[in-house]
């Protein structure tokens, strides 16, 4: 049996994680932090057998994948901050680990979310591991909560932020409750059997506008069967969107409003 050692930093913000020495990926395994989430996730998740909904969300352990923030799936706040314990699988390389760490640290500069190392006192925590594909659960599930970021295909800044947003309780932009005022879904171009990924949800939009630049918005060719768009912007059908490589102003505002930062 392989022994697994936890580094314990009880209650200390994950800024301490920055102490992990940075190391560039070798020339044969470059990690591109600039790829948008849609392309990374759709390629990595193509053909995987893991049961997923909306492309990269694991079915909830305890509830339906409705806006779970209304049913208690947010992470608890302590004082001014929301501490989210994490553990990163040791099988990642230093370069791969740094992509995850930097993605997590990006939340610290603009929100009250603070990621901390998981220790023996934490029951609920995010476990980042190189599984098959890129996916997360929606909101806090309780106990060990997997976030799959496979080594070959999911380690991008945008993808880390995208999956962590799911874990914080946020769904995709293109399924939000008011989407019909902004986008048209072209069902004839969707891969058969993938239509469920476009079902609208009664989301709590927290008073923020529909955002084509959200890191949670899939691009216009998501799940296309024929290379034609599956999503069109109603005001400008030629608009290209869903190409964000980092969180937008609205993504940050939603986190801060939901968690009362």
C-alpha atoms as a PDB file:
ATOM      1  CA  UNK A   1       0.000   0.000   0.000  1.00  0.00           C
ATOM      2  CA  UNK A   2       1.304   3.422  -0.924  1.00  0.00           C
ATOM      3  CA  UNK A   3       1.424   5.795   2.032  1.00  0.00           C
ATOM      4  CA  UNK A   4      -0.241   9.163   1.446  1.00  0.00           C
ATOM      5  CA  UNK A   5       0.983  12.095   3.509  1.00  0.00           C
ATOM      6  CA  UNK A   6      -1.093  15.228   4.142  1.00  0.00           C
ATOM      7  CA  UNK A   7       0.547  18.585   4.680  1.00  0.00           C
ATOM      8  CA  UNK A   8      -1.383  20.222   7.514  1.00  0.00           C
ATOM      9  CA  UNK A   9      -1.950  23.975   7.636  1.00  0.00           C
ATOM     10  CA  UNK A  10      -5.025  24.350   9.826  1.00  0.00           C
ATOM     11  CA  UNK A  11      -6.906  27.527   8.998  1.00  0.00           C
ATOM     12  CA  UNK A  12      -4.005  29.063   7.083  1.00  0.00           C
ATOM     13  CA  UNK A  13      -4.987  30.628   3.728  1.00  0.00           C
ATOM     14  CA  UNK A  14      -3.600  28.800   0.764  1.00  0.00           C
ATOM     15  CA  UNK A  15      -1.232  31.645   0.000  1.00  0.00           C
ATOM     16  CA  UNK A  16       1.148  29.300   1.812  1.00  0.00           C
ATOM     17  CA  UNK A  17       0.831  27.049  -1.230  1.00  0.00           C
ATOM     18  CA  UNK A  18       2.793  29.631  -3.182  1.00  0.00           C
ATOM     19  CA  UNK A  19       5.828  28.298  -1.303  1.00  0.00           C
ATOM     20  CA  UNK A  20       5.742  25.287  -3.626  1.00  0.00           C
ATOM     21  CA  UNK A  21       8.623  26.021  -6.029  1.00  0.00           C
ATOM     22  CA  UNK A  22       7.548  26.934  -9.537  1.00  0.00           C
ATOM     23  CA  UNK A  23       8.843  24.762 -12.313  1.00  0.00           C
ATOM     24  CA  UNK A  24       8.068  25.066 -15.968  1.00  0.00           C
ATOM     25  CA  UNK A  25       6.738  22.042 -17.805  1.00  0.00           C
ATOM     26  CA  UNK A  26       9.346  20.283 -19.877  1.00  0.00           C
ATOM     27  CA  UNK A  27       9.439  20.890 -23.622  1.00  0.00           C
ATOM     28  CA  UNK A  28       7.647  17.633 -24.364  1.00  0.00           C
ATOM     29  CA  UNK A  29       4.750  18.328 -22.045  1.00  0.00           C
ATOM     30  CA  UNK A  30       3.982  22.016 -22.166  1.00  0.00           C
ATOM     31  CA  UNK A  31       1.005  23.161 -20.114  1.00  0.00           C
ATOM     32  CA  UNK A  32      -0.855  25.931 -21.913  1.00  0.00           C
ATOM     33  CA  UNK A  33      -2.728  28.146 -19.488  1.00  0.00           C
ATOM     34  CA  UNK A  34      -4.370  30.096 -22.318  1.00  0.00           C
ATOM     35  CA  UNK A  35      -6.830  27.549 -23.739  1.00  0.00           C
ATOM     36  CA  UNK A  36     -10.510  28.308 -23.197  1.00  0.00           C
ATOM     37  CA  UNK A  37     -12.536  25.961 -21.016  1.00  0.00           C
ATOM     38  CA  UNK A  38     -14.939  24.800 -23.742  1.00  0.00           C
ATOM     39  CA  UNK A  39     -12.259  23.426 -26.023  1.00  0.00           C
ATOM     40  CA  UNK A  40     -10.327  21.781 -23.207  1.00  0.00           C
ATOM     41  CA  UNK A  41     -13.357  20.175 -21.578  1.00  0.00           C
ATOM     42  CA  UNK A  42     -15.053  19.021 -24.784  1.00  0.00           C
ATOM     43  CA  UNK A  43     -11.857  17.352 -26.041  1.00  0.00           C
ATOM     44  CA  UNK A  44     -10.952  15.766 -22.718  1.00  0.00           C
ATOM     45  CA  UNK A  45     -14.476  14.496 -22.031  1.00  0.00           C
ATOM     46  CA  UNK A  46     -15.197  13.138 -25.513  1.00  0.00           C
ATOM     47  CA  UNK A  47     -16.128   9.497 -25.189  1.00  0.00           C
ATOM     48  CA  UNK A  48     -15.481   9.094 -21.466  1.00  0.00           C
ATOM     49  CA  UNK A  49     -17.782   6.701 -19.630  1.00  0.00           C
ATOM     50  CA  UNK A  50     -18.073   8.750 -16.433  1.00  0.00           C
ATOM     51  CA  UNK A  51     -21.771   9.719 -16.127  1.00  0.00           C
ATOM     52  CA  UNK A  52     -21.874  13.506 -16.484  1.00  0.00           C
ATOM     53  CA  UNK A  53     -24.596  16.095 -16.946  1.00  0.00           C
ATOM     54  CA  UNK A  54     -24.183  19.404 -18.769  1.00  0.00           C
ATOM     55  CA  UNK A  55     -20.889  18.178 -20.153  1.00  0.00           C
ATOM     56  CA  UNK A  56     -18.711  18.306 -17.045  1.00  0.00           C
ATOM     57  CA  UNK A  57     -20.871  18.111 -13.898  1.00  0.00           C
ATOM     58  CA  UNK A  58     -21.028  14.887 -11.902  1.00  0.00           C
ATOM     59  CA  UNK A  59     -24.519  13.879 -10.740  1.00  0.00           C
ATOM     60  CA  UNK A  60     -25.082  15.104  -7.207  1.00  0.00           C
ATOM     61  CA  UNK A  61     -24.584  12.672  -4.360  1.00  0.00           C
ATOM     62  CA  UNK A  62     -27.612  13.967  -2.480  1.00  0.00           C
ATOM     63  CA  UNK A  63     -29.750  16.188  -4.693  1.00  0.00           C
ATOM     64  CA  UNK A  64     -30.709  16.988  -8.257  1.00  0.00           C
ATOM     65  CA  UNK A  65     -28.486  19.380 -10.194  1.00  0.00           C
ATOM     66  CA  UNK A  66     -30.888  22.263  -9.693  1.00  0.00           C
ATOM     67  CA  UNK A  67     -29.527  25.601  -8.483  1.00  0.00           C
ATOM     68  CA  UNK A  68     -28.168  23.906  -5.383  1.00  0.00           C
ATOM     69  CA  UNK A  69     -27.299  27.212  -3.738  1.00  0.00           C
ATOM     70  CA  UNK A  70     -30.982  27.367  -2.806  1.00  0.00           C
ATOM     71  CA  UNK A  71     -30.791  23.998  -1.058  1.00  0.00           C
ATOM     72  CA  UNK A  72     -27.686  24.435   1.056  1.00  0.00           C
ATOM     73  CA  UNK A  73     -24.716  23.515  -1.115  1.00  0.00           C
ATOM     74  CA  UNK A  74     -22.627  26.620  -0.466  1.00  0.00           C
ATOM     75  CA  UNK A  75     -19.425  26.438   1.544  1.00  0.00           C
ATOM     76  CA  UNK A  76     -19.624  27.905   5.061  1.00  0.00           C
ATOM     77  CA  UNK A  77     -18.277  31.340   5.860  1.00  0.00           C
ATOM     78  CA  UNK A  78     -16.141  32.014   8.909  1.00  0.00           C
ATOM     79  CA  UNK A  79     -15.720  35.688   9.671  1.00  0.00           C
ATOM     80  CA  UNK A  80     -14.790  37.532   6.507  1.00  0.00           C
ATOM     81  CA  UNK A  81     -13.754  34.478   4.508  1.00  0.00           C
ATOM     82  CA  UNK A  82     -15.089  31.259   3.040  1.00  0.00           C
ATOM     83  CA  UNK A  83     -12.481  28.595   3.712  1.00  0.00           C
ATOM     84  CA  UNK A  84     -12.533  25.667   1.275  1.00  0.00           C
ATOM     85  CA  UNK A  85     -10.163  22.822   2.201  1.00  0.00           C
ATOM     86  CA  UNK A  86      -8.322  21.139  -0.668  1.00  0.00           C
ATOM     87  CA  UNK A  87      -6.051  18.192  -1.265  1.00  0.00           C
ATOM     88  CA  UNK A  88      -4.090  17.768  -4.491  1.00  0.00           C
ATOM     89  CA  UNK A  89      -3.128  14.256  -5.536  1.00  0.00           C
ATOM     90  CA  UNK A  90       0.634  13.696  -5.259  1.00  0.00           C
ATOM     91  CA  UNK A  91       0.677  11.974  -8.644  1.00  0.00           C
ATOM     92  CA  UNK A  92       0.640  15.355 -10.414  1.00  0.00           C
ATOM     93  CA  UNK A  93       3.989  16.723 -11.541  1.00  0.00           C
ATOM     94  CA  UNK A  94       5.273  19.948  -9.993  1.00  0.00           C
ATOM     95  CA  UNK A  95       4.285  21.883 -13.142  1.00  0.00           C
ATOM     96  CA  UNK A  96       0.799  20.364 -13.180  1.00  0.00           C
ATOM     97  CA  UNK A  97       0.363  21.043  -9.474  1.00  0.00           C
ATOM     98  CA  UNK A  98       1.365  24.660 -10.010  1.00  0.00           C
ATOM     99  CA  UNK A  99      -1.371  25.149 -12.624  1.00  0.00           C
ATOM    100  CA  UNK A 100      -3.951  23.997 -10.085  1.00  0.00           C
ATOM    101  CA  UNK A 101      -2.442  26.079  -7.280  1.00  0.00           C
ATOM    102  CA  UNK A 102      -2.277  29.230  -9.397  1.00  0.00           C
ATOM    103  CA  UNK A 103      -5.866  28.699 -10.504  1.00  0.00           C
ATOM    104  CA  UNK A 104      -6.986  28.427  -6.893  1.00  0.00           C
ATOM    105  CA  UNK A 105      -4.938  31.414  -5.797  1.00  0.00           C
ATOM    106  CA  UNK A 106      -6.609  33.520  -8.491  1.00  0.00           C
ATOM    107  CA  UNK A 107      -9.803  33.460  -6.392  1.00  0.00           C
ATOM    108  CA  UNK A 108      -7.971  35.015  -3.451  1.00  0.00           C
ATOM    109  CA  UNK A 109      -7.239  38.311  -5.164  1.00  0.00           C
ATOM    110  CA  UNK A 110     -10.842  39.169  -6.055  1.00  0.00           C
ATOM    111  CA  UNK A 111     -13.188  37.192  -3.784  1.00  0.00           C
ATOM    112  CA  UNK A 112     -13.503  36.152  -0.141  1.00  0.00           C
ATOM    113  CA  UNK A 113     -12.910  32.504  -1.062  1.00  0.00           C
ATOM    114  CA  UNK A 114      -9.779  31.149   0.611  1.00  0.00           C
ATOM    115  CA  UNK A 115      -8.505  27.700  -0.238  1.00  0.00           C
ATOM    116  CA  UNK A 116      -6.674  25.962   2.603  1.00  0.00           C
ATOM    117  CA  UNK A 117      -4.847  22.669   2.832  1.00  0.00           C
ATOM    118  CA  UNK A 118      -7.075  19.842   4.010  1.00  0.00           C
ATOM    119  CA  UNK A 119      -6.191  18.537   7.484  1.00  0.00           C
ATOM    120  CA  UNK A 120      -7.649  15.977   9.887  1.00  0.00           C
ATOM    121  CA  UNK A 121     -10.221  18.460  11.221  1.00  0.00           C
ATOM    122  CA  UNK A 122     -11.858  18.998   7.823  1.00  0.00           C
ATOM    123  CA  UNK A 123     -14.736  16.726   6.897  1.00  0.00           C
ATOM    124  CA  UNK A 124     -15.657  18.391   3.603  1.00  0.00           C
ATOM    125  CA  UNK A 125     -12.918  19.092   1.063  1.00  0.00           C
ATOM    126  CA  UNK A 126     -12.095  19.223  -2.633  1.00  0.00           C
ATOM    127  CA  UNK A 127      -9.855  16.451  -3.901  1.00  0.00           C
ATOM    128  CA  UNK A 128      -8.086  17.356  -7.150  1.00  0.00           C
ATOM    129  CA  UNK A 129      -6.873  14.284  -8.968  1.00  0.00           C
ATOM    130  CA  UNK A 130      -5.884  13.227 -12.506  1.00  0.00           C
ATOM    131  CA  UNK A 131      -9.039  11.298 -13.308  1.00  0.00           C
ATOM    132  CA  UNK A 132     -10.622  10.704 -16.690  1.00  0.00           C
ATOM    133  CA  UNK A 133     -11.701  14.028 -18.180  1.00  0.00           C
ATOM    134  CA  UNK A 134     -12.464  17.415 -16.625  1.00  0.00           C
ATOM    135  CA  UNK A 135     -15.427  17.505 -14.265  1.00  0.00           C
ATOM    136  CA  UNK A 136     -16.694  18.564 -10.862  1.00  0.00           C
ATOM    137  CA  UNK A 137     -19.722  18.270  -8.630  1.00  0.00           C
ATOM    138  CA  UNK A 138     -22.074  21.226  -8.294  1.00  0.00           C
ATOM    139  CA  UNK A 139     -21.634  22.967  -4.945  1.00  0.00           C
ATOM    140  CA  UNK A 140     -20.548  21.485  -1.621  1.00  0.00           C
ATOM    141  CA  UNK A 141     -21.525  17.819  -1.495  1.00  0.00           C
ATOM    142  CA  UNK A 142     -20.032  16.751   1.819  1.00  0.00           C
ATOM    143  CA  UNK A 143     -17.020  14.583   2.547  1.00  0.00           C
ATOM    144  CA  UNK A 144     -14.342  13.929  -0.035  1.00  0.00           C
ATOM    145  CA  UNK A 145     -15.469  15.764  -3.173  1.00  0.00           C
ATOM    146  CA  UNK A 146     -13.659  14.904  -6.370  1.00  0.00           C
ATOM    147  CA  UNK A 147     -12.572  17.415  -8.983  1.00  0.00           C
ATOM    148  CA  UNK A 148     -11.162  15.557 -11.968  1.00  0.00           C
ATOM    149  CA  UNK A 149      -8.465  17.332 -13.964  1.00  0.00           C
ATOM    150  CA  UNK A 150      -6.729  14.756 -16.093  1.00  0.00           C
ATOM    151  CA  UNK A 151      -3.068  15.467 -16.721  1.00  0.00           C
ATOM    152  CA  UNK A 152      -3.296  15.393 -20.493  1.00  0.00           C
ATOM    153  CA  UNK A 153      -6.013  17.854 -21.499  1.00  0.00           C
ATOM    154  CA  UNK A 154      -7.465  19.541 -18.397  1.00  0.00           C
ATOM    155  CA  UNK A 155      -4.641  21.477 -16.809  1.00  0.00           C
ATOM    156  CA  UNK A 156      -5.353  24.997 -17.967  1.00  0.00           C
ATOM    157  CA  UNK A 157      -6.031  28.125 -15.931  1.00  0.00           C
ATOM    158  CA  UNK A 158      -9.505  28.470 -17.465  1.00  0.00           C
ATOM    159  CA  UNK A 159     -10.403  24.849 -16.748  1.00  0.00           C
ATOM    160  CA  UNK A 160      -9.316  25.013 -13.115  1.00  0.00           C
ATOM    161  CA  UNK A 161     -11.403  28.156 -12.614  1.00  0.00           C
ATOM    162  CA  UNK A 162     -14.356  26.622 -14.490  1.00  0.00           C
ATOM    163  CA  UNK A 163     -14.461  23.426 -12.438  1.00  0.00           C
ATOM    164  CA  UNK A 164     -13.888  25.278  -9.160  1.00  0.00           C
ATOM    165  CA  UNK A 165     -16.810  27.585  -9.991  1.00  0.00           C
ATOM    166  CA  UNK A 166     -18.960  24.463 -10.323  1.00  0.00           C
ATOM    167  CA  UNK A 167     -17.707  23.277  -6.928  1.00  0.00           C
ATOM    168  CA  UNK A 168     -18.673  26.656  -5.457  1.00  0.00           C
ATOM    169  CA  UNK A 169     -22.235  26.181  -6.754  1.00  0.00           C
ATOM    170  CA  UNK A 170     -22.313  27.818 -10.196  1.00  0.00           C
ATOM    171  CA  UNK A 171     -23.789  26.321 -13.347  1.00  0.00           C
ATOM    172  CA  UNK A 172     -23.007  27.089 -16.973  1.00  0.00           C
ATOM    173  CA  UNK A 173     -23.962  30.485 -18.329  1.00  0.00           C
ATOM    174  CA  UNK A 174     -25.832  29.140 -21.353  1.00  0.00           C
ATOM    175  CA  UNK A 175     -28.389  27.289 -19.205  1.00  0.00           C
ATOM    176  CA  UNK A 176     -29.273  30.188 -16.888  1.00  0.00           C
ATOM    177  CA  UNK A 177     -32.926  31.114 -16.498  1.00  0.00           C
ATOM    178  CA  UNK A 178     -32.898  34.165 -18.778  1.00  0.00           C
ATOM    179  CA  UNK A 179     -30.793  32.691 -21.559  1.00  0.00           C
ATOM    180  CA  UNK A 180     -33.641  32.684 -24.116  1.00  0.00           C
ATOM    181  CA  UNK A 181     -33.446  36.462 -24.279  1.00  0.00           C
ATOM    182  CA  UNK A 182     -29.807  36.274 -25.340  1.00  0.00           C
ATOM    183  CA  UNK A 183     -29.055  33.038 -27.164  1.00  0.00           C
ATOM    184  CA  UNK A 184     -30.744  30.681 -29.584  1.00  0.00           C
ATOM    185  CA  UNK A 185     -30.152  26.941 -29.220  1.00  0.00           C
ATOM    186  CA  UNK A 186     -29.916  25.176 -32.602  1.00  0.00           C
ATOM    187  CA  UNK A 187     -30.969  21.674 -31.657  1.00  0.00           C
ATOM    188  CA  UNK A 188     -30.564  20.382 -35.213  1.00  0.00           C
ATOM    189  CA  UNK A 189     -26.793  20.809 -34.885  1.00  0.00           C
ATOM    190  CA  UNK A 190     -26.399  19.097 -31.508  1.00  0.00           C
ATOM    191  CA  UNK A 191     -24.844  15.630 -31.309  1.00  0.00           C
ATOM    192  CA  UNK A 192     -27.732  13.181 -30.807  1.00  0.00           C
ATOM    193  CA  UNK A 193     -28.026  12.277 -27.156  1.00  0.00           C
ATOM    194  CA  UNK A 194     -26.361  15.491 -25.973  1.00  0.00           C
ATOM    195  CA  UNK A 195     -29.451  17.692 -26.047  1.00  0.00           C
ATOM    196  CA  UNK A 196     -29.732  17.506 -22.253  1.00  0.00           C
ATOM    197  CA  UNK A 197     -26.643  19.698 -21.978  1.00  0.00           C
ATOM    198  CA  UNK A 198     -28.718  22.654 -23.188  1.00  0.00           C
ATOM    199  CA  UNK A 199     -31.717  22.326 -20.871  1.00  0.00           C
ATOM    200  CA  UNK A 200     -32.474  25.632 -19.171  1.00  0.00           C
ATOM    201  CA  UNK A 201     -32.338  25.802 -15.369  1.00  0.00           C
ATOM    202  CA  UNK A 202     -34.118  28.087 -12.916  1.00  0.00           C
ATOM    203  CA  UNK A 203     -30.887  29.690 -11.772  1.00  0.00           C
ATOM    204  CA  UNK A 204     -30.381  32.475  -9.266  1.00  0.00           C
ATOM    205  CA  UNK A 205     -28.523  35.027 -11.385  1.00  0.00           C
ATOM    206  CA  UNK A 206     -27.734  37.221  -8.392  1.00  0.00           C
ATOM    207  CA  UNK A 207     -28.607  40.416 -10.245  1.00  0.00           C
ATOM    208  CA  UNK A 208     -25.777  40.022 -12.743  1.00  0.00           C
ATOM    209  CA  UNK A 209     -26.241  40.363 -16.519  1.00  0.00           C
ATOM    210  CA  UNK A 210     -25.999  37.556 -19.035  1.00  0.00           C
ATOM    211  CA  UNK A 211     -22.306  37.279 -19.846  1.00  0.00           C
ATOM    212  CA  UNK A 212     -20.888  35.980 -23.126  1.00  0.00           C
ATOM    213  CA  UNK A 213     -17.415  36.508 -21.638  1.00  0.00           C
ATOM    214  CA  UNK A 214     -17.993  34.290 -18.610  1.00  0.00           C
ATOM    215  CA  UNK A 215     -15.508  31.482 -18.024  1.00  0.00           C
ATOM    216  CA  UNK A 216     -18.667  29.401 -17.470  1.00  0.00           C
ATOM    217  CA  UNK A 217     -20.039  29.999 -20.985  1.00  0.00           C
ATOM    218  CA  UNK A 218     -19.517  27.289 -23.587  1.00  0.00           C
ATOM    219  CA  UNK A 219     -18.672  28.417 -27.099  1.00  0.00           C
ATOM    220  CA  UNK A 220     -21.054  28.502 -30.017  1.00  0.00           C
ATOM    221  CA  UNK A 221     -19.936  25.113 -31.362  1.00  0.00           C
ATOM    222  CA  UNK A 222     -20.343  23.143 -28.131  1.00  0.00           C
ATOM    223  CA  UNK A 223     -21.539  19.567 -28.784  1.00  0.00           C
ATOM    224  CA  UNK A 224     -21.857  20.252 -32.516  1.00  0.00           C
ATOM    225  CA  UNK A 225     -22.568  17.244 -34.723  1.00  0.00           C
ATOM    226  CA  UNK A 226     -21.636  18.911 -37.986  1.00  0.00           C
ATOM    227  CA  UNK A 227     -19.283  21.808 -37.313  1.00  0.00           C
ATOM    228  CA  UNK A 228     -22.195  24.246 -37.331  1.00  0.00           C
ATOM    229  CA  UNK A 229     -23.105  26.419 -34.323  1.00  0.00           C
ATOM    230  CA  UNK A 230     -25.273  24.995 -31.578  1.00  0.00           C
ATOM    231  CA  UNK A 231     -25.609  28.415 -29.917  1.00  0.00           C
ATOM    232  CA  UNK A 232     -26.121  31.823 -31.494  1.00  0.00           C
ATOM    233  CA  UNK A 233     -26.191  35.252 -29.897  1.00  0.00           C
ATOM    234  CA  UNK A 234     -29.594  36.738 -30.751  1.00  0.00           C
ATOM    235  CA  UNK A 235     -28.379  40.332 -31.114  1.00  0.00           C
ATOM    236  CA  UNK A 236     -25.386  39.330 -33.245  1.00  0.00           C
ATOM    237  CA  UNK A 237     -25.451  35.830 -34.780  1.00  0.00           C
ATOM    238  CA  UNK A 238     -21.835  36.221 -35.935  1.00  0.00           C
ATOM    239  CA  UNK A 239     -20.581  36.895 -32.403  1.00  0.00           C
ATOM    240  CA  UNK A 240     -17.902  34.504 -31.213  1.00  0.00           C
ATOM    241  CA  UNK A 241     -18.140  33.742 -27.490  1.00  0.00           C
ATOM    242  CA  UNK A 242     -17.295  31.224 -24.827  1.00  0.00           C
ATOM    243  CA  UNK A 243     -13.567  31.811 -25.325  1.00  0.00           C
ATOM    244  CA  UNK A 244     -12.716  33.123 -21.857  1.00  0.00           C
ATOM    245  CA  UNK A 245      -9.361  32.069 -20.451  1.00  0.00           C
ATOM    246  CA  UNK A 246     -10.031  33.592 -17.030  1.00  0.00           C
ATOM    247  CA  UNK A 247     -12.983  34.677 -14.911  1.00  0.00           C
ATOM    248  CA  UNK A 248     -14.905  37.745 -16.037  1.00  0.00           C
ATOM    249  CA  UNK A 249     -15.996  40.690 -13.906  1.00  0.00           C
ATOM    250  CA  UNK A 250     -19.461  39.117 -13.693  1.00  0.00           C
ATOM    251  CA  UNK A 251     -18.079  35.724 -12.656  1.00  0.00           C
ATOM    252  CA  UNK A 252     -16.294  37.424  -9.777  1.00  0.00           C
ATOM    253  CA  UNK A 253     -19.364  39.501  -8.877  1.00  0.00           C
ATOM    254  CA  UNK A 254     -21.520  36.375  -8.630  1.00  0.00           C
ATOM    255  CA  UNK A 255     -19.124  34.689  -6.248  1.00  0.00           C
ATOM    256  CA  UNK A 256     -18.961  37.786  -4.084  1.00  0.00           C
ATOM    257  CA  UNK A 257     -22.736  38.193  -4.032  1.00  0.00           C
ATOM    258  CA  UNK A 258     -23.506  34.556  -3.335  1.00  0.00           C
ATOM    259  CA  UNK A 259     -20.978  34.371  -0.522  1.00  0.00           C
ATOM    260  CA  UNK A 260     -21.617  37.934   0.724  1.00  0.00           C
ATOM    261  CA  UNK A 261     -17.995  38.927   0.366  1.00  0.00           C
END
